[in-house]
PDB file of N, CA and C in Angstrom:
ATOM      1  N   MET A   1      -4.505   0.955  17.060  1.00  0.00           N
ATOM      2  CA  MET A   1      -3.933   1.911  16.303  1.00  0.00           C
ATOM      3  C   MET A   1      -2.481   1.848  16.398  1.00  0.00           C
ATOM      4  N   THR A   2      -1.698   1.962  15.389  1.00  0.00           N
ATOM      5  CA  THR A   2      -0.313   1.968  15.305  1.00  0.00           C
ATOM      6  C   THR A   2       0.320   3.457  15.526  1.00  0.00           C
ATOM      7  N   THR A   3       1.260   3.640  16.301  1.00  0.00           N
ATOM      8  CA  THR A   3       1.884   4.947  16.469  1.00  0.00           C
ATOM      9  C   THR A   3       3.161   5.076  15.693  1.00  0.00           C
ATOM     10  N   LEU A   4       3.572   6.310  15.521  1.00  0.00           N
ATOM     11  CA  LEU A   4       4.948   6.542  14.920  1.00  0.00           C
ATOM     12  C   LEU A   4       5.878   6.848  15.864  1.00  0.00           C
ATOM     13  N   SER A   5       7.192   6.285  15.688  1.00  0.00           N
ATOM     14  CA  SER A   5       8.304   6.682  16.603  1.00  0.00           C
ATOM     15  C   SER A   5       9.180   7.737  15.904  1.00  0.00           C
ATOM     16  N   GLN A   6       9.894   8.478  16.683  1.00  0.00           N
ATOM     17  CA  GLN A   6      10.793   9.514  16.148  1.00  0.00           C
ATOM     18  C   GLN A   6      12.203   9.012  16.417  1.00  0.00           C
ATOM     19  N   HIS A   7      13.007   8.853  15.405  1.00  0.00           N
ATOM     20  CA  HIS A   7      14.390   8.415  15.602  1.00  0.00           C
ATOM     21  C   HIS A   7      15.276   9.207  14.785  1.00  0.00           C
ATOM     22  N   ALA A   8      16.119  10.131  15.389  1.00  0.00           N
ATOM     23  CA  ALA A   8      17.051  10.923  14.691  1.00  0.00           C
ATOM     24  C   ALA A   8      16.360  11.599  13.546  1.00  0.00           C
ATOM     25  N   ASP A   9      15.347  12.404  13.772  1.00  0.00           N
ATOM     26  CA  ASP A   9      14.693  13.130  12.754  1.00  0.00           C
ATOM     27  C   ASP A   9      13.830  12.274  11.706  1.00  0.00           C
ATOM     28  N   LYS A  10      13.712  10.979  11.967  1.00  0.00           N
ATOM     29  CA  LYS A  10      13.161  10.223  10.797  1.00  0.00           C
ATOM     30  C   LYS A  10      11.733   9.597  11.610  1.00  0.00           C
ATOM     31  N   VAL A  11      10.770   9.585  10.769  1.00  0.00           N
ATOM     32  CA  VAL A  11       9.483   9.096  11.274  1.00  0.00           C
ATOM     33  C   VAL A  11       9.566   7.603  10.930  1.00  0.00           C
ATOM     34  N   VAL A  12       9.441   6.678  11.914  1.00  0.00           N
ATOM     35  CA  VAL A  12       9.568   5.286  11.605  1.00  0.00           C
ATOM     36  C   VAL A  12       8.120   4.692  11.968  1.00  0.00           C
ATOM     37  N   PRO A  13       7.378   4.179  11.099  1.00  0.00           N
ATOM     38  CA  PRO A  13       6.086   3.580  11.418  1.00  0.00           C
ATOM     39  C   PRO A  13       6.325   2.356  12.145  1.00  0.00           C
ATOM     40  N   SER A  14       5.510   1.989  13.094  1.00  0.00           N
ATOM     41  CA  SER A  14       5.345   0.761  13.718  1.00  0.00           C
ATOM     42  C   SER A  14       4.151  -0.135  13.157  1.00  0.00           C
ATOM     43  N   GLY A  15       4.414  -1.363  13.061  1.00  0.00           N
ATOM     44  CA  GLY A  15       3.277  -2.086  12.501  1.00  0.00           C
ATOM     45  C   GLY A  15       3.247  -3.529  13.236  1.00  0.00           C
ATOM     46  N   ARG A  16       2.581  -4.343  12.644  1.00  0.00           N
ATOM     47  CA  ARG A  16       2.497  -5.711  13.198  1.00  0.00           C
ATOM     48  C   ARG A  16       2.441  -6.738  12.113  1.00  0.00           C
ATOM     49  N   ILE A  17       2.905  -7.876  12.539  1.00  0.00           N
ATOM     50  CA  ILE A  17       2.916  -9.068  11.553  1.00  0.00           C
ATOM     51  C   ILE A  17       1.826  -9.961  12.071  1.00  0.00           C
ATOM     52  N   GLU A  18       0.958 -10.348  11.155  1.00  0.00           N
ATOM     53  CA  GLU A  18      -0.055 -11.154  11.522  1.00  0.00           C
ATOM     54  C   GLU A  18      -0.030 -12.447  10.520  1.00  0.00           C
ATOM     55  N   ARG A  19      -0.389 -13.747  11.033  1.00  0.00           N
ATOM     56  CA  ARG A  19      -0.595 -14.738  10.267  1.00  0.00           C
ATOM     57  C   ARG A  19      -1.892 -15.017   9.811  1.00  0.00           C
ATOM     58  N   VAL A  20      -2.084 -15.144   8.389  1.00  0.00           N
ATOM     59  CA  VAL A  20      -3.302 -15.229   7.758  1.00  0.00           C
ATOM     60  C   VAL A  20      -3.247 -16.676   7.004  1.00  0.00           C
ATOM     61  N   ASP A  21      -4.003 -17.607   7.304  1.00  0.00           N
ATOM     62  CA  ASP A  21      -3.825 -18.959   6.698  1.00  0.00           C
ATOM     63  C   ASP A  21      -2.488 -19.390   6.821  1.00  0.00           C
ATOM     64  N   SER A  22      -1.757 -19.630   5.738  1.00  0.00           N
ATOM     65  CA  SER A  22      -0.366 -20.116   5.711  1.00  0.00           C
ATOM     66  C   SER A  22       0.687 -19.003   5.462  1.00  0.00           C
ATOM     67  N   ASP A  23       0.105 -17.703   5.274  1.00  0.00           N
ATOM     68  CA  ASP A  23       0.992 -16.606   4.908  1.00  0.00           C
ATOM     69  C   ASP A  23       1.097 -15.625   6.067  1.00  0.00           C
ATOM     70  N   TYR A  24       2.110 -14.682   5.879  1.00  0.00           N
ATOM     71  CA  TYR A  24       2.108 -13.553   6.846  1.00  0.00           C
ATOM     72  C   TYR A  24       1.834 -12.268   6.272  1.00  0.00           C
ATOM     73  N   VAL A  25       1.255 -11.532   7.138  1.00  0.00           N
ATOM     74  CA  VAL A  25       0.809 -10.050   6.608  1.00  0.00           C
ATOM     75  C   VAL A  25       1.357  -9.070   7.413  1.00  0.00           C
ATOM     76  N   LEU A  26       2.010  -8.062   6.931  1.00  0.00           N
ATOM     77  CA  LEU A  26       2.623  -6.817   7.541  1.00  0.00           C
ATOM     78  C   LEU A  26       1.509  -5.748   7.413  1.00  0.00           C
ATOM     79  N   ALA A  27       1.076  -5.280   8.613  1.00  0.00           N
ATOM     80  CA  ALA A  27       0.006  -4.301   8.577  1.00  0.00           C
ATOM     81  C   ALA A  27       0.363  -3.001   9.319  1.00  0.00           C
ATOM     82  N   PHE A  28       0.033  -1.916   8.807  1.00  0.00           N
ATOM     83  CA  PHE A  28       0.261  -0.722   9.440  1.00  0.00           C
ATOM     84  C   PHE A  28      -1.154   0.015   9.512  1.00  0.00           C
ATOM     85  N   ASP A  29      -1.393   0.647  10.722  1.00  0.00           N
ATOM     86  CA  ASP A  29      -2.660   1.365  10.908  1.00  0.00           C
ATOM     87  C   ASP A  29      -2.275   2.662  11.035  1.00  0.00           C
ATOM     88  N   ARG A  30      -2.895   3.684  10.507  1.00  0.00           N
ATOM     89  CA  ARG A  30      -2.612   5.078  10.823  1.00  0.00           C
ATOM     90  C   ARG A  30      -3.826   5.975  10.800  1.00  0.00           C
ATOM     91  N   GLN A  31      -4.084   6.750  11.822  1.00  0.00           N
ATOM     92  CA  GLN A  31      -5.153   7.641  11.750  1.00  0.00           C
ATOM     93  C   GLN A  31      -4.753   9.054  11.138  1.00  0.00           C
ATOM     94  N   PHE A  32      -5.435   9.444  10.193  1.00  0.00           N
ATOM     95  CA  PHE A  32      -5.148  10.819   9.537  1.00  0.00           C
ATOM     96  C   PHE A  32      -6.254  11.753   9.754  1.00  0.00           C
ATOM     97  N   ASP A  33      -5.920  13.047  10.111  1.00  0.00           N
ATOM     98  CA  ASP A  33      -6.765  14.062  10.272  1.00  0.00           C
ATOM     99  C   ASP A  33      -6.984  14.780   8.891  1.00  0.00           C
ATOM    100  N   TYR A  34      -7.625  13.958   7.919  1.00  0.00           N
ATOM    101  CA  TYR A  34      -8.026  14.509   6.639  1.00  0.00           C
ATOM    102  C   TYR A  34      -9.348  13.817   6.222  1.00  0.00           C
ATOM    103  N   PRO A  35     -10.051  14.428   5.316  1.00  0.00           N
ATOM    104  CA  PRO A  35     -11.239  13.787   4.775  1.00  0.00           C
ATOM    105  C   PRO A  35     -10.996  12.438   4.174  1.00  0.00           C
ATOM    106  N   ARG A  36     -11.853  11.530   4.472  1.00  0.00           N
ATOM    107  CA  ARG A  36     -11.737  10.183   3.782  1.00  0.00           C
ATOM    108  C   ARG A  36     -11.460  10.238   2.307  1.00  0.00           C
ATOM    109  N   GLN A  37     -12.151  11.015   1.563  1.00  0.00           N
ATOM    110  CA  GLN A  37     -11.970  11.115   0.223  1.00  0.00           C
ATOM    111  C   GLN A  37     -10.676  11.537  -0.305  1.00  0.00           C
ATOM    112  N   TYR A  38     -10.084  12.489   0.525  1.00  0.00           N
ATOM    113  CA  TYR A  38      -8.587  12.926   0.178  1.00  0.00           C
ATOM    114  C   TYR A  38      -7.721  11.734   0.329  1.00  0.00           C
ATOM    115  N   ILE A  39      -7.833  11.086   1.506  1.00  0.00           N
ATOM    116  CA  ILE A  39      -6.892   9.914   1.671  1.00  0.00           C
ATOM    117  C   ILE A  39      -7.067   8.817   0.532  1.00  0.00           C
ATOM    118  N   TRP A  40      -8.321   8.595   0.099  1.00  0.00           N
ATOM    119  CA  TRP A  40      -8.601   7.662  -0.871  1.00  0.00           C
ATOM    120  C   TRP A  40      -7.920   8.081  -2.203  1.00  0.00           C
ATOM    121  N   SER A  41      -7.984   9.454  -2.416  1.00  0.00           N
ATOM    122  CA  SER A  41      -7.433   9.790  -3.712  1.00  0.00           C
ATOM    123  C   SER A  41      -5.878   9.655  -3.740  1.00  0.00           C
ATOM    124  N   LEU A  42      -5.252   9.755  -2.528  1.00  0.00           N
ATOM    125  CA  LEU A  42      -3.848   9.547  -2.407  1.00  0.00           C
ATOM    126  C   LEU A  42      -3.472   7.997  -2.701  1.00  0.00           C
ATOM    127  N   LEU A  43      -4.469   7.052  -2.383  1.00  0.00           N
ATOM    128  CA  LEU A  43      -4.253   5.660  -2.665  1.00  0.00           C
ATOM    129  C   LEU A  43      -4.517   5.236  -3.938  1.00  0.00           C
ATOM    130  N   THR A  44      -5.364   5.902  -4.575  1.00  0.00           N
ATOM    131  CA  THR A  44      -5.915   5.341  -5.846  1.00  0.00           C
ATOM    132  C   THR A  44      -5.729   6.223  -7.164  1.00  0.00           C
ATOM    133  N   GLU A  45      -5.628   7.424  -7.094  1.00  0.00           N
ATOM    134  CA  GLU A  45      -5.496   8.193  -8.229  1.00  0.00           C
ATOM    135  C   GLU A  45      -4.140   8.208  -8.729  1.00  0.00           C
ATOM    136  N   PRO A  46      -3.968   7.949 -10.099  1.00  0.00           N
ATOM    137  CA  PRO A  46      -2.596   7.661 -10.579  1.00  0.00           C
ATOM    138  C   PRO A  46      -1.538   8.804 -10.326  1.00  0.00           C
ATOM    139  N   ASP A  47      -1.893  10.118 -10.480  1.00  0.00           N
ATOM    140  CA  ASP A  47      -1.039  11.136 -10.244  1.00  0.00           C
ATOM    141  C   ASP A  47      -0.647  11.202  -8.797  1.00  0.00           C
ATOM    142  N   GLN A  48      -1.433  11.029  -7.843  1.00  0.00           N
ATOM    143  CA  GLN A  48      -1.170  11.049  -6.414  1.00  0.00           C
ATOM    144  C   GLN A  48      -0.343   9.774  -6.207  1.00  0.00           C
ATOM    145  N   LEU A  49      -0.701   8.636  -6.474  1.00  0.00           N
ATOM    146  CA  LEU A  49      -0.099   7.408  -6.255  1.00  0.00           C
ATOM    147  C   LEU A  49       1.385   7.477  -6.684  1.00  0.00           C
ATOM    148  N   ALA A  50       1.645   8.110  -7.820  1.00  0.00           N
ATOM    149  CA  ALA A  50       2.959   8.194  -8.406  1.00  0.00           C
ATOM    150  C   ALA A  50       3.907   8.993  -7.483  1.00  0.00           C
ATOM    151  N   LYS A  51       3.433   9.997  -6.754  1.00  0.00           N
ATOM    152  CA  LYS A  51       4.188  10.857  -5.896  1.00  0.00           C
ATOM    153  C   LYS A  51       4.825  10.000  -4.819  1.00  0.00           C
ATOM    154  N   TRP A  52       4.201   9.040  -4.160  1.00  0.00           N
ATOM    155  CA  TRP A  52       4.783   8.536  -2.980  1.00  0.00           C
ATOM    156  C   TRP A  52       4.920   6.925  -3.044  1.00  0.00           C
ATOM    157  N   LEU A  53       4.423   6.247  -4.054  1.00  0.00           N
ATOM    158  CA  LEU A  53       4.481   4.726  -4.027  1.00  0.00           C
ATOM    159  C   LEU A  53       5.091   4.260  -5.394  1.00  0.00           C
ATOM    160  N   GLY A  54       4.560   4.707  -6.403  1.00  0.00           N
ATOM    161  CA  GLY A  54       4.989   4.346  -7.761  1.00  0.00           C
ATOM    162  C   GLY A  54       3.921   4.768  -8.790  1.00  0.00           C
ATOM    163  N   LYS A  55       4.424   4.835  -9.980  1.00  0.00           N
ATOM    164  CA  LYS A  55       3.426   5.168 -11.159  1.00  0.00           C
ATOM    165  C   LYS A  55       2.749   3.947 -11.523  1.00  0.00           C
ATOM    166  N   PRO A  56       1.289   4.029 -11.547  1.00  0.00           N
ATOM    167  CA  PRO A  56       0.569   2.786 -11.951  1.00  0.00           C
ATOM    168  C   PRO A  56       0.600   2.750 -13.403  1.00  0.00           C
ATOM    169  N   ILE A  57       0.843   1.347 -13.704  1.00  0.00           N
ATOM    170  CA  ILE A  57       0.864   0.968 -15.138  1.00  0.00           C
ATOM    171  C   ILE A  57      -0.712   0.407 -15.399  1.00  0.00           C
ATOM    172  N   THR A  58      -1.113  -0.290 -14.523  1.00  0.00           N
ATOM    173  CA  THR A  58      -2.508  -0.694 -14.500  1.00  0.00           C
ATOM    174  C   THR A  58      -3.275  -0.207 -13.273  1.00  0.00           C
ATOM    175  N   GLY A  59      -4.496  -0.112 -13.296  1.00  0.00           N
ATOM    176  CA  GLY A  59      -5.428   0.320 -12.123  1.00  0.00           C
ATOM    177  C   GLY A  59      -5.506  -0.823 -11.110  1.00  0.00           C
ATOM    178  N   PHE A  60      -6.218  -0.515 -10.000  1.00  0.00           N
ATOM    179  CA  PHE A  60      -6.671  -1.425  -9.036  1.00  0.00           C
ATOM    180  C   PHE A  60      -8.069  -1.832  -9.294  1.00  0.00           C
ATOM    181  N   GLU A  61      -8.258  -3.172  -9.524  1.00  0.00           N
ATOM    182  CA  GLU A  61      -9.575  -3.883  -9.627  1.00  0.00           C
ATOM    183  C   GLU A  61      -9.563  -5.073  -8.683  1.00  0.00           C
ATOM    184  N   LEU A  62     -10.580  -5.254  -8.076  1.00  0.00           N
ATOM    185  CA  LEU A  62     -10.778  -6.380  -7.103  1.00  0.00           C
ATOM    186  C   LEU A  62     -10.478  -7.670  -7.755  1.00  0.00           C
ATOM    187  N   GLY A  63      -9.551  -8.531  -7.110  1.00  0.00           N
ATOM    188  CA  GLY A  63      -9.287  -9.733  -7.574  1.00  0.00           C
ATOM    189  C   GLY A  63      -8.428  -9.834  -8.888  1.00  0.00           C
ATOM    190  N   ARG A  64      -7.941  -8.653  -9.228  1.00  0.00           N
ATOM    191  CA  ARG A  64      -7.107  -8.585 -10.614  1.00  0.00           C
ATOM    192  C   ARG A  64      -5.663  -8.114 -10.224  1.00  0.00           C
ATOM    193  N   PRO A  65      -4.777  -8.583 -11.195  1.00  0.00           N
ATOM    194  CA  PRO A  65      -3.341  -8.038 -10.947  1.00  0.00           C
ATOM    195  C   PRO A  65      -3.330  -6.659 -11.286  1.00  0.00           C
ATOM    196  N   TYR A  66      -2.255  -6.046 -10.634  1.00  0.00           N
ATOM    197  CA  TYR A  66      -1.882  -4.614 -10.814  1.00  0.00           C
ATOM    198  C   TYR A  66      -0.419  -4.518 -11.118  1.00  0.00           C
ATOM    199  N   GLU A  67       0.180  -3.325 -11.638  1.00  0.00           N
ATOM    200  CA  GLU A  67       1.549  -3.174 -11.870  1.00  0.00           C
ATOM    201  C   GLU A  67       1.850  -1.725 -11.663  1.00  0.00           C
ATOM    202  N   LEU A  68       3.127  -1.408 -10.848  1.00  0.00           N
ATOM    203  CA  LEU A  68       3.455  -0.150 -10.745  1.00  0.00           C
ATOM    204  C   LEU A  68       4.954  -0.049 -11.065  1.00  0.00           C
ATOM    205  N   ASP A  69       5.243   1.034 -11.606  1.00  0.00           N
ATOM    206  CA  ASP A  69       6.650   1.441 -12.031  1.00  0.00           C
ATOM    207  C   ASP A  69       7.250   2.179 -10.822  1.00  0.00           C
ATOM    208  N   VAL A  70       8.170   1.549 -10.154  1.00  0.00           N
ATOM    209  CA  VAL A  70       8.750   2.070  -8.983  1.00  0.00           C
ATOM    210  C   VAL A  70      10.363   2.242  -9.179  1.00  0.00           C
ATOM    211  N   ALA A  71      10.648   3.516  -9.410  1.00  0.00           N
ATOM    212  CA  ALA A  71      12.115   3.741  -9.685  1.00  0.00           C
ATOM    213  C   ALA A  71      12.693   2.987 -10.877  1.00  0.00           C
ATOM    214  N   GLY A  72      11.878   2.848 -11.872  1.00  0.00           N
ATOM    215  CA  GLY A  72      12.327   2.168 -13.060  1.00  0.00           C
ATOM    216  C   GLY A  72      12.145   0.645 -13.036  1.00  0.00           C
ATOM    217  N   GLY A  73      11.739   0.022 -11.912  1.00  0.00           N
ATOM    218  CA  GLY A  73      11.524  -1.467 -11.785  1.00  0.00           C
ATOM    219  C   GLY A  73      10.035  -1.618 -11.684  1.00  0.00           C
ATOM    220  N   ALA A  74       9.636  -2.813 -11.900  1.00  0.00           N
ATOM    221  CA  ALA A  74       8.209  -3.163 -11.838  1.00  0.00           C
ATOM    222  C   ALA A  74       7.907  -3.899 -10.498  1.00  0.00           C
ATOM    223  N   VAL A  75       6.678  -3.452 -10.050  1.00  0.00           N
ATOM    224  CA  VAL A  75       6.210  -4.111  -8.785  1.00  0.00           C
ATOM    225  C   VAL A  75       4.830  -4.551  -9.153  1.00  0.00           C
ATOM    226  N   THR A  76       4.440  -5.782  -8.879  1.00  0.00           N
ATOM    227  CA  THR A  76       3.191  -6.449  -9.335  1.00  0.00           C
ATOM    228  C   THR A  76       2.448  -7.011  -8.025  1.00  0.00           C
ATOM    229  N   GLY A  77       1.223  -7.272  -8.093  1.00  0.00           N
ATOM    230  CA  GLY A  77       0.628  -8.024  -7.048  1.00  0.00           C
ATOM    231  C   GLY A  77      -0.813  -8.177  -7.530  1.00  0.00           C
ATOM    232  N   THR A  78      -1.671  -8.520  -6.561  1.00  0.00           N
ATOM    233  CA  THR A  78      -3.106  -8.752  -6.759  1.00  0.00           C
ATOM    234  C   THR A  78      -3.961  -7.989  -5.794  1.00  0.00           C
ATOM    235  N   VAL A  79      -4.923  -7.361  -6.226  1.00  0.00           N
ATOM    236  CA  VAL A  79      -5.896  -6.502  -5.362  1.00  0.00           C
ATOM    237  C   VAL A  79      -6.774  -7.550  -4.523  1.00  0.00           C
ATOM    238  N   LEU A  80      -6.589  -7.609  -3.234  1.00  0.00           N
ATOM    239  CA  LEU A  80      -7.338  -8.448  -2.337  1.00  0.00           C
ATOM    240  C   LEU A  80      -8.591  -7.893  -1.869  1.00  0.00           C
ATOM    241  N   GLN A  81      -8.707  -6.676  -1.618  1.00  0.00           N
ATOM    242  CA  GLN A  81      -9.733  -5.860  -1.207  1.00  0.00           C
ATOM    243  C   GLN A  81      -9.834  -4.516  -1.841  1.00  0.00           C
ATOM    244  N   LEU A  82     -10.952  -4.187  -2.173  1.00  0.00           N
ATOM    245  CA  LEU A  82     -11.232  -2.758  -2.727  1.00  0.00           C
ATOM    246  C   LEU A  82     -12.693  -2.344  -2.418  1.00  0.00           C
ATOM    247  N   ASN A  83     -12.684  -1.508  -1.325  1.00  0.00           N
ATOM    248  CA  ASN A  83     -13.901  -1.106  -0.789  1.00  0.00           C
ATOM    249  C   ASN A  83     -13.975   0.464  -0.618  1.00  0.00           C
ATOM    250  N   PRO A  84     -14.102   1.195  -1.783  1.00  0.00           N
ATOM    251  CA  PRO A  84     -13.959   2.607  -1.762  1.00  0.00           C
ATOM    252  C   PRO A  84     -14.975   3.198  -0.818  1.00  0.00           C
ATOM    253  N   PRO A  85     -14.705   4.389  -0.068  1.00  0.00           N
ATOM    254  CA  PRO A  85     -13.354   4.814   0.148  1.00  0.00           C
ATOM    255  C   PRO A  85     -12.859   4.408   1.510  1.00  0.00           C
ATOM    256  N   LEU A  86     -13.132   3.094   1.980  1.00  0.00           N
ATOM    257  CA  LEU A  86     -12.760   2.668   3.234  1.00  0.00           C
ATOM    258  C   LEU A  86     -11.414   1.784   3.242  1.00  0.00           C
ATOM    259  N   SER A  87     -11.253   0.900   2.253  1.00  0.00           N
ATOM    260  CA  SER A  87     -10.133   0.105   2.447  1.00  0.00           C
ATOM    261  C   SER A  87      -9.625  -0.461   1.106  1.00  0.00           C
ATOM    262  N   LEU A  88      -8.360  -0.654   1.116  1.00  0.00           N
ATOM    263  CA  LEU A  88      -7.527  -1.198  -0.126  1.00  0.00           C
ATOM    264  C   LEU A  88      -6.471  -2.130   0.439  1.00  0.00           C
ATOM    265  N   GLN A  89      -6.560  -3.440  -0.045  1.00  0.00           N
ATOM    266  CA  GLN A  89      -5.514  -4.220   0.448  1.00  0.00           C
ATOM    267  C   GLN A  89      -4.897  -4.990  -0.900  1.00  0.00           C
ATOM    268  N   PHE A  90      -3.716  -5.216  -1.141  1.00  0.00           N
ATOM    269  CA  PHE A  90      -3.116  -5.776  -2.189  1.00  0.00           C
ATOM    270  C   PHE A  90      -1.888  -6.524  -1.721  1.00  0.00           C
ATOM    271  N   THR A  91      -1.381  -7.561  -2.585  1.00  0.00           N
ATOM    272  CA  THR A  91      -0.153  -8.107  -2.420  1.00  0.00           C
ATOM    273  C   THR A  91       0.810  -7.238  -3.143  1.00  0.00           C
ATOM    274  N   TRP A  92       2.254  -7.556  -2.759  1.00  0.00           N
ATOM    275  CA  TRP A  92       3.314  -6.939  -3.283  1.00  0.00           C
ATOM    276  C   TRP A  92       4.412  -7.800  -3.656  1.00  0.00           C
ATOM    277  N   GLU A  93       4.785  -7.746  -4.958  1.00  0.00           N
ATOM    278  CA  GLU A  93       5.770  -8.660  -5.469  1.00  0.00           C
ATOM    279  C   GLU A  93       6.760  -7.862  -6.303  1.00  0.00           C
ATOM    280  N   ASP A  94       8.027  -7.906  -5.893  1.00  0.00           N
ATOM    281  CA  ASP A  94       8.889  -6.989  -6.691  1.00  0.00           C
ATOM    282  C   ASP A  94      10.015  -7.856  -7.359  1.00  0.00           C
ATOM    283  N   GLU A  95      10.892  -7.184  -8.250  1.00  0.00           N
ATOM    284  CA  GLU A  95      11.774  -7.782  -9.097  1.00  0.00           C
ATOM    285  C   GLU A  95      12.870  -8.741  -8.417  1.00  0.00           C
ATOM    286  N   LEU A  96      12.975  -8.466  -7.078  1.00  0.00           N
ATOM    287  CA  LEU A  96      13.912  -9.244  -6.257  1.00  0.00           C
ATOM    288  C   LEU A  96      13.367 -10.492  -5.694  1.00  0.00           C
ATOM    289  N   GLY A  97      12.108 -10.681  -6.080  1.00  0.00           N
ATOM    290  CA  GLY A  97      11.395 -11.836  -5.584  1.00  0.00           C
ATOM    291  C   GLY A  97      10.631 -11.680  -4.262  1.00  0.00           C
ATOM    292  N   GLY A  98      10.811 -10.437  -3.712  1.00  0.00           N
ATOM    293  CA  GLY A  98      10.035 -10.154  -2.459  1.00  0.00           C
ATOM    294  C   GLY A  98       8.550 -10.082  -2.713  1.00  0.00           C
ATOM    295  N   GLU A  99       7.838 -10.752  -1.723  1.00  0.00           N
ATOM    296  CA  GLU A  99       6.523 -10.806  -1.806  1.00  0.00           C
ATOM    297  C   GLU A  99       5.940 -10.371  -0.450  1.00  0.00           C
ATOM    298  N   ALA A 100       4.843  -9.552  -0.367  1.00  0.00           N
ATOM    299  CA  ALA A 100       4.254  -9.196   0.794  1.00  0.00           C
ATOM    300  C   ALA A 100       2.693  -9.423   0.750  1.00  0.00           C
TER     301      ALA A 100
END
């Protein structure tokens, strides 16, 4: 489990970098004291997702591309894992060429 560090009134998540095949993955694990369905809704319901990550332009479908509007810019990627309500994994590609 990953812990959070407190630095000057900012919560800083700690994570890990893993090598998967020829790529790298940045992973964060966090235990929440909320019902599983509530957390899942924050990750997948358009109105909830828009509050913290970006406004969905397309939805999440396993193996399919998705698109988010993040502060007027587009973020795209591919859904790698979709196992409701347990796990969601996707790639992240932004306008600056960043990919995760």
